[in-house]
C-alpha atoms as a PDB file:
ATOM      1  CA  MET A   1       2.758 -28.239 -13.996  1.00  0.00           C
ATOM      2  CA  GLU A   2       4.767 -25.587 -15.812  1.00  0.00           C
ATOM      3  CA  ASN A   3       4.397 -22.062 -14.458  1.00  0.00           C
ATOM      4  CA  VAL A   4       3.086 -20.144 -17.481  1.00  0.00           C
ATOM      5  CA  GLN A   5       3.142 -16.356 -17.649  1.00  0.00           C
ATOM      6  CA  THR A   6      -0.224 -15.280 -19.035  1.00  0.00           C
ATOM      7  CA  SER A   7      -0.197 -11.507 -18.852  1.00  0.00           C
ATOM      8  CA  GLN A   8       2.032  -8.529 -18.277  1.00  0.00           C
ATOM      9  CA  ILE A   9       0.426  -6.822 -15.304  1.00  0.00           C
ATOM     10  CA  ASN A  10       2.093  -3.619 -14.174  1.00  0.00           C
ATOM     11  CA  ILE A  11       1.769  -2.781 -10.485  1.00  0.00           C
ATOM     12  CA  HIS A  12       2.972   0.648  -9.406  1.00  0.00           C
ATOM     13  CA  VAL A  13       3.641   1.170  -5.690  1.00  0.00           C
ATOM     14  CA  ILE A  14       3.735   4.871  -4.805  1.00  0.00           C
ATOM     15  CA  GLY A  15       4.783   6.219  -1.428  1.00  0.00           C
ATOM     16  CA  VAL A  16       3.133   9.520  -0.523  1.00  0.00           C
ATOM     17  CA  GLY A  17       4.791  11.703   2.105  1.00  0.00           C
ATOM     18  CA  GLY A  18       7.611  10.887   4.493  1.00  0.00           C
ATOM     19  CA  CYS A  19       6.154   7.730   5.996  1.00  0.00           C
ATOM     20  CA  GLY A  20       5.119   6.391   2.596  1.00  0.00           C
ATOM     21  CA  GLY A  21       8.522   7.141   1.106  1.00  0.00           C
ATOM     22  CA  ASN A  22      10.331   5.359   3.929  1.00  0.00           C
ATOM     23  CA  ALA A  23       8.075   2.329   3.532  1.00  0.00           C
ATOM     24  CA  VAL A  24       8.563   2.161  -0.236  1.00  0.00           C
ATOM     25  CA  THR A  25      12.341   2.465   0.180  1.00  0.00           C
ATOM     26  CA  ASN A  26      12.285  -0.580   2.454  1.00  0.00           C
ATOM     27  CA  MET A  27       9.920  -2.465   0.143  1.00  0.00           C
ATOM     28  CA  ALA A  28      12.016  -1.727  -2.948  1.00  0.00           C
ATOM     29  CA  SER A  29      15.106  -3.123  -1.230  1.00  0.00           C
ATOM     30  CA  LEU A  30      13.274  -6.438  -0.751  1.00  0.00           C
ATOM     31  CA  CYS A  31      11.717  -6.744  -4.204  1.00  0.00           C
ATOM     32  CA  SER A  32      13.183  -8.363  -7.302  1.00  0.00           C
ATOM     33  CA  HIS A  33      10.014  -8.648  -9.413  1.00  0.00           C
ATOM     34  CA  GLU A  34      10.315  -6.743 -12.683  1.00  0.00           C
ATOM     35  CA  ARG A  35       6.570  -6.042 -12.939  1.00  0.00           C
ATOM     36  CA  ILE A  36       6.523  -3.955  -9.756  1.00  0.00           C
ATOM     37  CA  ARG A  37       7.545  -0.317 -10.077  1.00  0.00           C
ATOM     38  CA  PHE A  38       8.312   1.829  -7.039  1.00  0.00           C
ATOM     39  CA  SER A  39       8.036   5.618  -6.755  1.00  0.00           C
ATOM     40  CA  SER A  40       7.642   8.251  -4.056  1.00  0.00           C
ATOM     41  CA  ILE A  41       6.111  11.713  -4.130  1.00  0.00           C
ATOM     42  CA  ASN A  42       6.598  14.374  -1.498  1.00  0.00           C
ATOM     43  CA  THR A  43       6.530  18.113  -0.845  1.00  0.00           C
ATOM     44  CA  ASP A  44       9.789  17.776   1.107  1.00  0.00           C
ATOM     45  CA  ILE A  45      12.893  17.485  -1.068  1.00  0.00           C
ATOM     46  CA  ALA A  46      15.094  16.438   1.859  1.00  0.00           C
ATOM     47  CA  ALA A  47      12.833  13.442   2.524  1.00  0.00           C
ATOM     48  CA  LEU A  48      13.023  12.456  -1.149  1.00  0.00           C
ATOM     49  CA  HIS A  49      16.827  12.396  -0.959  1.00  0.00           C
ATOM     50  CA  ARG A  50      16.475   9.452   1.441  1.00  0.00           C
ATOM     51  CA  CYS A  51      14.528   7.481  -1.198  1.00  0.00           C
ATOM     52  CA  HIS A  52      17.724   6.254  -2.808  1.00  0.00           C
ATOM     53  CA  ASN A  53      16.548   3.154  -4.678  1.00  0.00           C
ATOM     54  CA  HIS A  54      13.512   4.279  -6.681  1.00  0.00           C
ATOM     55  CA  GLU A  55      11.991   7.116  -8.692  1.00  0.00           C
ATOM     56  CA  VAL A  56      10.947  10.284  -6.844  1.00  0.00           C
ATOM     57  CA  VAL A  57       8.767  13.273  -7.732  1.00  0.00           C
ATOM     58  CA  LEU A  58       8.785  16.591  -5.865  1.00  0.00           C
ATOM     59  CA  ILE A  59       5.279  18.061  -5.890  1.00  0.00           C
ATOM     60  CA  GLY A  60       4.153  21.642  -5.303  1.00  0.00           C
ATOM     61  CA  GLU A  61       7.594  23.210  -5.495  1.00  0.00           C
ATOM     62  CA  GLY A  62       6.013  26.557  -6.323  1.00  0.00           C
ATOM     63  CA  THR A  63       3.977  26.395  -3.115  1.00  0.00           C
ATOM     64  CA  THR A  64       6.265  24.730  -0.581  1.00  0.00           C
ATOM     65  CA  LYS A  65       9.687  25.557  -2.097  1.00  0.00           C
ATOM     66  CA  GLY A  66      10.611  21.961  -1.314  1.00  0.00           C
ATOM     67  CA  PHE A  67      10.323  22.418   2.458  1.00  0.00           C
ATOM     68  CA  GLY A  68       7.252  20.243   3.046  1.00  0.00           C
ATOM     69  CA  ALA A  69       3.585  20.916   3.733  1.00  0.00           C
ATOM     70  CA  GLY A  70       4.023  21.953   7.366  1.00  0.00           C
ATOM     71  CA  ALA A  71       1.683  19.173   8.553  1.00  0.00           C
ATOM     72  CA  ASP A  72      -1.160  20.907   6.686  1.00  0.00           C
ATOM     73  CA  PRO A  73      -3.162  18.565   4.401  1.00  0.00           C
ATOM     74  CA  GLU A  74      -4.643  21.490   2.461  1.00  0.00           C
ATOM     75  CA  VAL A  75      -1.176  22.721   1.507  1.00  0.00           C
ATOM     76  CA  ALA A  76      -0.329  19.212   0.311  1.00  0.00           C
ATOM     77  CA  ARG A  77      -3.602  18.977  -1.609  1.00  0.00           C
ATOM     78  CA  ARG A  78      -2.777  22.186  -3.482  1.00  0.00           C
ATOM     79  CA  ALA A  79       0.760  20.970  -4.091  1.00  0.00           C
ATOM     80  CA  ALA A  80      -0.480  17.735  -5.655  1.00  0.00           C
ATOM     81  CA  SER A  81      -3.018  19.590  -7.798  1.00  0.00           C
ATOM     82  CA  GLN A  82      -0.317  21.965  -9.058  1.00  0.00           C
ATOM     83  CA  SER A  83       1.835  18.977 -10.042  1.00  0.00           C
ATOM     84  CA  GLU A  84      -0.950  17.060 -11.770  1.00  0.00           C
ATOM     85  CA  ALA A  85       0.915  16.934 -15.092  1.00  0.00           C
ATOM     86  CA  ALA A  86       3.926  15.255 -13.456  1.00  0.00           C
ATOM     87  CA  LEU A  87       1.666  12.837 -11.590  1.00  0.00           C
ATOM     88  CA  GLN A  88      -0.145  11.993 -14.833  1.00  0.00           C
ATOM     89  CA  VAL A  89       3.168  10.963 -16.390  1.00  0.00           C
ATOM     90  CA  LEU A  90       4.047   9.005 -13.246  1.00  0.00           C
ATOM     91  CA  ILE A  91       0.976   6.750 -13.340  1.00  0.00           C
ATOM     92  CA  GLU A  92       0.908   6.050 -17.087  1.00  0.00           C
ATOM     93  CA  GLY A  93       0.973   2.360 -17.958  1.00  0.00           C
ATOM     94  CA  ALA A  94      -0.124   1.090 -14.554  1.00  0.00           C
ATOM     95  CA  ASP A  95      -2.824  -1.577 -14.263  1.00  0.00           C
ATOM     96  CA  LEU A  96      -2.966  -1.292 -10.471  1.00  0.00           C
ATOM     97  CA  ILE A  97      -1.653   1.471  -8.236  1.00  0.00           C
ATOM     98  CA  ILE A  98      -0.873   0.795  -4.589  1.00  0.00           C
ATOM     99  CA  ILE A  99      -0.535   3.959  -2.516  1.00  0.00           C
ATOM    100  CA  VAL A 100       1.411   3.739   0.743  1.00  0.00           C
ATOM    101  CA  ALA A 101       0.980   6.650   3.137  1.00  0.00           C
ATOM    102  CA  GLY A 102       1.083   7.594   6.773  1.00  0.00           C
ATOM    103  CA  LEU A 103      -1.915   9.637   7.889  1.00  0.00           C
ATOM    104  CA  GLY A 104      -1.930  12.422  10.448  1.00  0.00           C
ATOM    105  CA  GLY A 105       0.589  14.747   8.820  1.00  0.00           C
ATOM    106  CA  GLY A 106       0.377  16.931   5.740  1.00  0.00           C
ATOM    107  CA  THR A 107       1.510  15.252   2.527  1.00  0.00           C
ATOM    108  CA  GLY A 108       0.257  11.705   3.090  1.00  0.00           C
ATOM    109  CA  SER A 109      -3.125  12.977   4.264  1.00  0.00           C
ATOM    110  CA  GLY A 110      -3.599  15.715   1.661  1.00  0.00           C
ATOM    111  CA  ALA A 111      -1.905  14.475  -1.517  1.00  0.00           C
ATOM    112  CA  SER A 112      -3.145  10.869  -1.467  1.00  0.00           C
ATOM    113  CA  PRO A 113      -6.777  11.737  -2.340  1.00  0.00           C
ATOM    114  CA  VAL A 114      -5.598  13.850  -5.292  1.00  0.00           C
ATOM    115  CA  LEU A 115      -3.499  10.969  -6.609  1.00  0.00           C
ATOM    116  CA  ILE A 116      -6.441   8.575  -6.213  1.00  0.00           C
ATOM    117  CA  ASP A 117      -8.723  10.912  -8.180  1.00  0.00           C
ATOM    118  CA  LEU A 118      -6.181  11.154 -10.991  1.00  0.00           C
ATOM    119  CA  ALA A 119      -5.787   7.380 -11.169  1.00  0.00           C
ATOM    120  CA  LYS A 120      -9.553   6.850 -11.238  1.00  0.00           C
ATOM    121  CA  GLU A 121      -9.874   9.383 -14.065  1.00  0.00           C
ATOM    122  CA  ASN A 122      -7.450   7.151 -15.975  1.00  0.00           C
ATOM    123  CA  GLU A 123      -9.498   4.028 -15.093  1.00  0.00           C
ATOM    124  CA  ILE A 124      -6.727   2.564 -12.935  1.00  0.00           C
ATOM    125  CA  ASP A 125      -7.670   0.541  -9.857  1.00  0.00           C
ATOM    126  CA  VAL A 126      -6.237   1.905  -6.613  1.00  0.00           C
ATOM    127  CA  MET A 127      -5.420   0.151  -3.355  1.00  0.00           C
ATOM    128  CA  CYS A 128      -4.225   2.146  -0.362  1.00  0.00           C
ATOM    129  CA  PHE A 129      -2.068   0.912   2.516  1.00  0.00           C
ATOM    130  CA  VAL A 130      -2.304   3.589   5.213  1.00  0.00           C
ATOM    131  CA  THR A 131      -1.000   3.805   8.768  1.00  0.00           C
ATOM    132  CA  LEU A 132      -2.667   5.640  11.632  1.00  0.00           C
ATOM    133  CA  PRO A 133      -0.605   7.647  14.144  1.00  0.00           C
ATOM    134  CA  PHE A 134       0.043   6.650  17.730  1.00  0.00           C
ATOM    135  CA  LYS A 135      -2.642   8.051  20.014  1.00  0.00           C
ATOM    136  CA  THR A 136       0.173   9.594  22.045  1.00  0.00           C
ATOM    137  CA  GLU A 137       0.972  11.837  19.059  1.00  0.00           C
ATOM    138  CA  GLY A 138      -1.959  14.011  20.054  1.00  0.00           C
ATOM    139  CA  GLY A 139      -5.539  14.750  19.132  1.00  0.00           C
ATOM    140  CA  LEU A 140      -4.732  16.985  16.162  1.00  0.00           C
ATOM    141  CA  ARG A 141      -2.803  14.296  14.285  1.00  0.00           C
ATOM    142  CA  VAL A 142      -5.457  11.709  15.128  1.00  0.00           C
ATOM    143  CA  ASP A 143      -8.216  14.024  13.828  1.00  0.00           C
ATOM    144  CA  ILE A 144      -6.297  14.731  10.615  1.00  0.00           C
ATOM    145  CA  ALA A 145      -5.780  10.998  10.119  1.00  0.00           C
ATOM    146  CA  GLU A 146      -9.452  10.174  10.676  1.00  0.00           C
ATOM    147  CA  HIS A 147     -10.632  12.798   8.182  1.00  0.00           C
ATOM    148  CA  ALA A 148      -8.068  11.693   5.603  1.00  0.00           C
ATOM    149  CA  LEU A 149      -8.980   8.027   6.082  1.00  0.00           C
ATOM    150  CA  ALA A 150     -12.673   8.750   5.507  1.00  0.00           C
ATOM    151  CA  GLU A 151     -11.871  10.556   2.249  1.00  0.00           C
ATOM    152  CA  ILE A 152      -9.470   7.874   1.051  1.00  0.00           C
ATOM    153  CA  ARG A 153     -11.989   5.119   1.792  1.00  0.00           C
ATOM    154  CA  SER A 154     -14.615   6.961  -0.259  1.00  0.00           C
ATOM    155  CA  LYS A 155     -12.312   7.223  -3.281  1.00  0.00           C
ATOM    156  CA  ALA A 156     -10.026   4.159  -3.419  1.00  0.00           C
ATOM    157  CA  ASN A 157     -11.095   0.705  -4.604  1.00  0.00           C
ATOM    158  CA  ALA A 158      -9.672  -0.831  -1.450  1.00  0.00           C
ATOM    159  CA  THR A 159      -8.090   0.510   1.730  1.00  0.00           C
ATOM    160  CA  LEU A 160      -5.985  -1.412   4.233  1.00  0.00           C
ATOM    161  CA  VAL A 161      -5.537   0.318   7.572  1.00  0.00           C
ATOM    162  CA  MET A 162      -2.609  -0.377   9.861  1.00  0.00           C
ATOM    163  CA  SER A 163      -2.536   1.205  13.309  1.00  0.00           C
ATOM    164  CA  ASN A 164       0.866   2.059  14.764  1.00  0.00           C
ATOM    165  CA  ASP A 165      -0.469   1.218  18.220  1.00  0.00           C
ATOM    166  CA  SER A 166      -1.643  -2.202  17.010  1.00  0.00           C
ATOM    167  CA  LEU A 167       1.681  -2.767  15.252  1.00  0.00           C
ATOM    168  CA  ILE A 168       3.680  -2.254  18.427  1.00  0.00           C
ATOM    169  CA  SER A 169       1.337  -4.329  20.584  1.00  0.00           C
ATOM    170  CA  ALA A 170       1.470  -7.246  18.115  1.00  0.00           C
ATOM    171  CA  LEU A 171       5.250  -7.550  18.291  1.00  0.00           C
ATOM    172  CA  ASP A 172       7.595  -8.573  21.069  1.00  0.00           C
ATOM    173  CA  GLU A 173       8.185  -5.765  23.552  1.00  0.00           C
ATOM    174  CA  THR A 174      11.927  -6.003  22.898  1.00  0.00           C
ATOM    175  CA  VAL A 175      11.447  -4.990  19.252  1.00  0.00           C
ATOM    176  CA  GLY A 176      12.500  -1.389  18.638  1.00  0.00           C
ATOM    177  CA  LEU A 177      10.353   1.156  16.815  1.00  0.00           C
ATOM    178  CA  LEU A 178      12.401   1.211  13.593  1.00  0.00           C
ATOM    179  CA  SER A 179      12.533  -2.586  13.522  1.00  0.00           C
ATOM    180  CA  ALA A 180       8.751  -2.667  13.950  1.00  0.00           C
ATOM    181  CA  PHE A 181       8.273  -0.342  10.987  1.00  0.00           C
ATOM    182  CA  ARG A 182      10.632  -2.454   8.855  1.00  0.00           C
ATOM    183  CA  HIS A 183       8.629  -5.533   9.843  1.00  0.00           C
ATOM    184  CA  CYS A 184       5.447  -3.780   8.708  1.00  0.00           C
ATOM    185  CA  ASP A 185       7.086  -2.796   5.404  1.00  0.00           C
ATOM    186  CA  ALA A 186       8.168  -6.407   4.850  1.00  0.00           C
ATOM    187  CA  GLN A 187       4.581  -7.567   5.374  1.00  0.00           C
ATOM    188  CA  MET A 188       3.321  -5.044   2.809  1.00  0.00           C
ATOM    189  CA  HIS A 189       6.003  -6.232   0.390  1.00  0.00           C
ATOM    190  CA  ASN A 190       4.876  -9.846   0.847  1.00  0.00           C
ATOM    191  CA  ILE A 191       1.306  -8.826   0.038  1.00  0.00           C
ATOM    192  CA  VAL A 192       2.339  -6.920  -3.107  1.00  0.00           C
ATOM    193  CA  GLU A 193       4.478  -9.850  -4.274  1.00  0.00           C
ATOM    194  CA  ALA A 194       1.580 -12.241  -3.654  1.00  0.00           C
ATOM    195  CA  ILE A 195      -0.776 -10.066  -5.695  1.00  0.00           C
ATOM    196  CA  ILE A 196       1.494  -9.940  -8.734  1.00  0.00           C
ATOM    197  CA  VAL A 197       2.219 -13.686  -8.591  1.00  0.00           C
ATOM    198  CA  MET A 198      -1.525 -14.324  -8.440  1.00  0.00           C
ATOM    199  CA  LEU A 199      -2.263 -12.042 -11.400  1.00  0.00           C
ATOM    200  CA  THR A 200       0.583 -13.116 -13.693  1.00  0.00           C
ATOM    201  CA  ASN A 201       0.731 -16.891 -13.213  1.00  0.00           C
ATOM    202  CA  THR A 202      -1.730 -19.484 -14.463  1.00  0.00           C
ATOM    203  CA  GLY A 203      -3.170 -21.898 -11.925  1.00  0.00           C
ATOM    204  CA  TYR A 204      -5.629 -24.767 -12.036  1.00  0.00           C
ATOM    205  CA  ILE A 205      -8.274 -22.223 -11.035  1.00  0.00           C
ATOM    206  CA  ASN A 206      -7.058 -18.997 -12.582  1.00  0.00           C
ATOM    207  CA  VAL A 207      -7.414 -15.489 -11.131  1.00  0.00           C
ATOM    208  CA  ASP A 208      -6.861 -12.613 -13.551  1.00  0.00           C
ATOM    209  CA  ILE A 209      -6.927  -8.825 -13.336  1.00  0.00           C
ATOM    210  CA  ASN A 210     -10.655  -8.732 -14.119  1.00  0.00           C
ATOM    211  CA  ASP A 211     -11.439 -11.035 -11.190  1.00  0.00           C
ATOM    212  CA  PHE A 212      -9.297  -8.868  -8.948  1.00  0.00           C
ATOM    213  CA  SER A 213     -10.923  -5.657 -10.207  1.00  0.00           C
ATOM    214  CA  HIS A 214     -14.365  -7.105  -9.503  1.00  0.00           C
ATOM    215  CA  ILE A 215     -13.440  -7.835  -5.889  1.00  0.00           C
ATOM    216  CA  LEU A 216     -12.037  -4.321  -5.535  1.00  0.00           C
ATOM    217  CA  SER A 217     -15.310  -2.874  -6.831  1.00  0.00           C
ATOM    218  CA  LEU A 218     -17.292  -4.306  -3.903  1.00  0.00           C
ATOM    219  CA  GLU A 219     -18.108  -2.030  -0.974  1.00  0.00           C
ATOM    220  CA  GLY A 220     -16.644  -2.430   2.486  1.00  0.00           C
ATOM    221  CA  ASP A 221     -13.286  -2.663   4.202  1.00  0.00           C
ATOM    222  CA  THR A 222     -10.456  -4.772   2.838  1.00  0.00           C
ATOM    223  CA  ALA A 223      -8.303  -7.412   4.485  1.00  0.00           C
ATOM    224  CA  LEU A 224      -5.267  -9.042   2.899  1.00  0.00           C
ATOM    225  CA  GLY A 225      -2.928 -11.574   4.391  1.00  0.00           C
ATOM    226  CA  VAL A 226      -0.080 -13.854   3.345  1.00  0.00           C
ATOM    227  CA  GLY A 227       0.956 -17.038   5.116  1.00  0.00           C
ATOM    228  CA  ILE A 228       3.960 -19.229   4.317  1.00  0.00           C
ATOM    229  CA  ALA A 229       4.496 -22.867   5.292  1.00  0.00           C
ATOM    230  CA  GLU A 230       7.853 -24.645   5.162  1.00  0.00           C
ATOM    231  CA  ASP A 231       6.382 -28.162   4.976  1.00  0.00           C
ATOM    232  CA  ASP A 232       3.063 -29.980   4.671  1.00  0.00           C
ATOM    233  CA  SER A 233       2.482 -30.044   8.421  1.00  0.00           C
ATOM    234  CA  SER A 234       2.652 -26.233   8.558  1.00  0.00           C
ATOM    235  CA  LEU A 235      -0.193 -25.620   6.102  1.00  0.00           C
ATOM    236  CA  SER A 236      -2.783 -24.894   8.793  1.00  0.00           C
ATOM    237  CA  SER A 237      -0.350 -22.510  10.472  1.00  0.00           C
ATOM    238  CA  ALA A 238       0.216 -20.643   7.204  1.00  0.00           C
ATOM    239  CA  LEU A 239      -3.533 -20.296   6.691  1.00  0.00           C
ATOM    240  CA  LYS A 240      -3.962 -18.987  10.230  1.00  0.00           C
ATOM    241  CA  HIS A 241      -1.234 -16.394   9.711  1.00  0.00           C
ATOM    242  CA  ALA A 242      -2.844 -15.250   6.461  1.00  0.00           C
ATOM    243  CA  LEU A 243      -6.262 -14.824   8.081  1.00  0.00           C
ATOM    244  CA  GLU A 244      -5.028 -13.243  11.307  1.00  0.00           C
ATOM    245  CA  ASN A 245      -2.449 -10.750  10.107  1.00  0.00           C
ATOM    246  CA  PRO A 246      -1.723  -8.659  13.223  1.00  0.00           C
ATOM    247  CA  LEU A 247      -0.601  -5.700  11.111  1.00  0.00           C
ATOM    248  CA  VAL A 248      -4.078  -5.151   9.655  1.00  0.00           C
ATOM    249  CA  ASP A 249      -7.058  -4.033  11.717  1.00  0.00           C
ATOM    250  CA  LYS A 250      -9.278  -7.006  12.459  1.00  0.00           C
ATOM    251  CA  GLN A 251     -11.969  -7.564   9.869  1.00  0.00           C
ATOM    252  CA  ASN A 252     -15.102  -9.673  10.083  1.00  0.00           C
ATOM    253  CA  ILE A 253     -14.493 -11.831   7.019  1.00  0.00           C
ATOM    254  CA  MET A 254     -17.592 -13.936   7.697  1.00  0.00           C
ATOM    255  CA  GLY A 255     -19.686 -11.121   6.219  1.00  0.00           C
ATOM    256  CA  ALA A 256     -17.406 -10.433   3.266  1.00  0.00           C
ATOM    257  CA  GLN A 257     -19.073  -9.715  -0.081  1.00  0.00           C
ATOM    258  CA  GLY A 258     -16.214 -11.317  -1.979  1.00  0.00           C
ATOM    259  CA  VAL A 259     -13.064 -13.321  -1.367  1.00  0.00           C
ATOM    260  CA  ILE A 260     -10.048 -14.273  -3.477  1.00  0.00           C
ATOM    261  CA  ALA A 261      -7.808 -16.998  -2.093  1.00  0.00           C
ATOM    262  CA  GLN A 262      -4.720 -18.473  -3.700  1.00  0.00           C
ATOM    263  CA  LEU A 263      -2.717 -21.525  -2.704  1.00  0.00           C
ATOM    264  CA  THR A 264       0.735 -21.937  -4.208  1.00  0.00           C
ATOM    265  CA  CYS A 265       2.596 -25.191  -3.660  1.00  0.00           C
ATOM    266  CA  ARG A 266       5.326 -27.314  -5.152  1.00  0.00           C
ATOM    267  CA  GLU A 267       4.601 -29.636  -8.045  1.00  0.00           C
ATOM    268  CA  GLU A 268       3.316 -33.094  -7.307  1.00  0.00           C
ATOM    269  CA  PRO A 269       5.914 -35.856  -7.891  1.00  0.00           C
END
């Protein structure tokens, strides 16, 4: 069956803060899909200089002078509010915004809720991929992350939570920290690619942006997974990998209010 493009869906992936910017830089290096746009926003101009392969926006320059939020979410919140006009231009034309942020510091924790509010005012669906700090980073960062996560969950259409501790424990002990983060970024990229393929291609049972928006409107936590099989005998393994993604906190999908599943395979002979 011919693969027919049915709609021009624009997905905008925005990294917020240092962790988010690093993740989006890695994701952008893996992506070749023209309907996915990558950007990063930060209060720290030095961190933005490392985002070499996508658009960047410095927020709150009048407040932080480009030196960051000092791990203070309230400073980052004010910075994002002061740069609302630039953020409004940034999100124009998006059908779905995916925010990537690390929680526990200043910019990711404080600016993300402001960006979500702005997107919702423009009737744009928002998904958030957020990471939680290592417990060894201390109680203050953990508390900041927990408060930010609660606010983000209350505002975004869907929130996927990835714990740094869970990430490390899920991988081989010989894997280094930077390699683990790159592995996590690759998994997020696979999910974003899967979403845009699902929303732009016609299948025997079609899923469009309205179906996806309906699922996002349901209450509760979100789980997303992608599994790939090399041959017919690996199909069950691919399904297992999709349902048991070790990079996402375990979810009880048996009680889910809604599910979207897509199977992509080669054409029949």
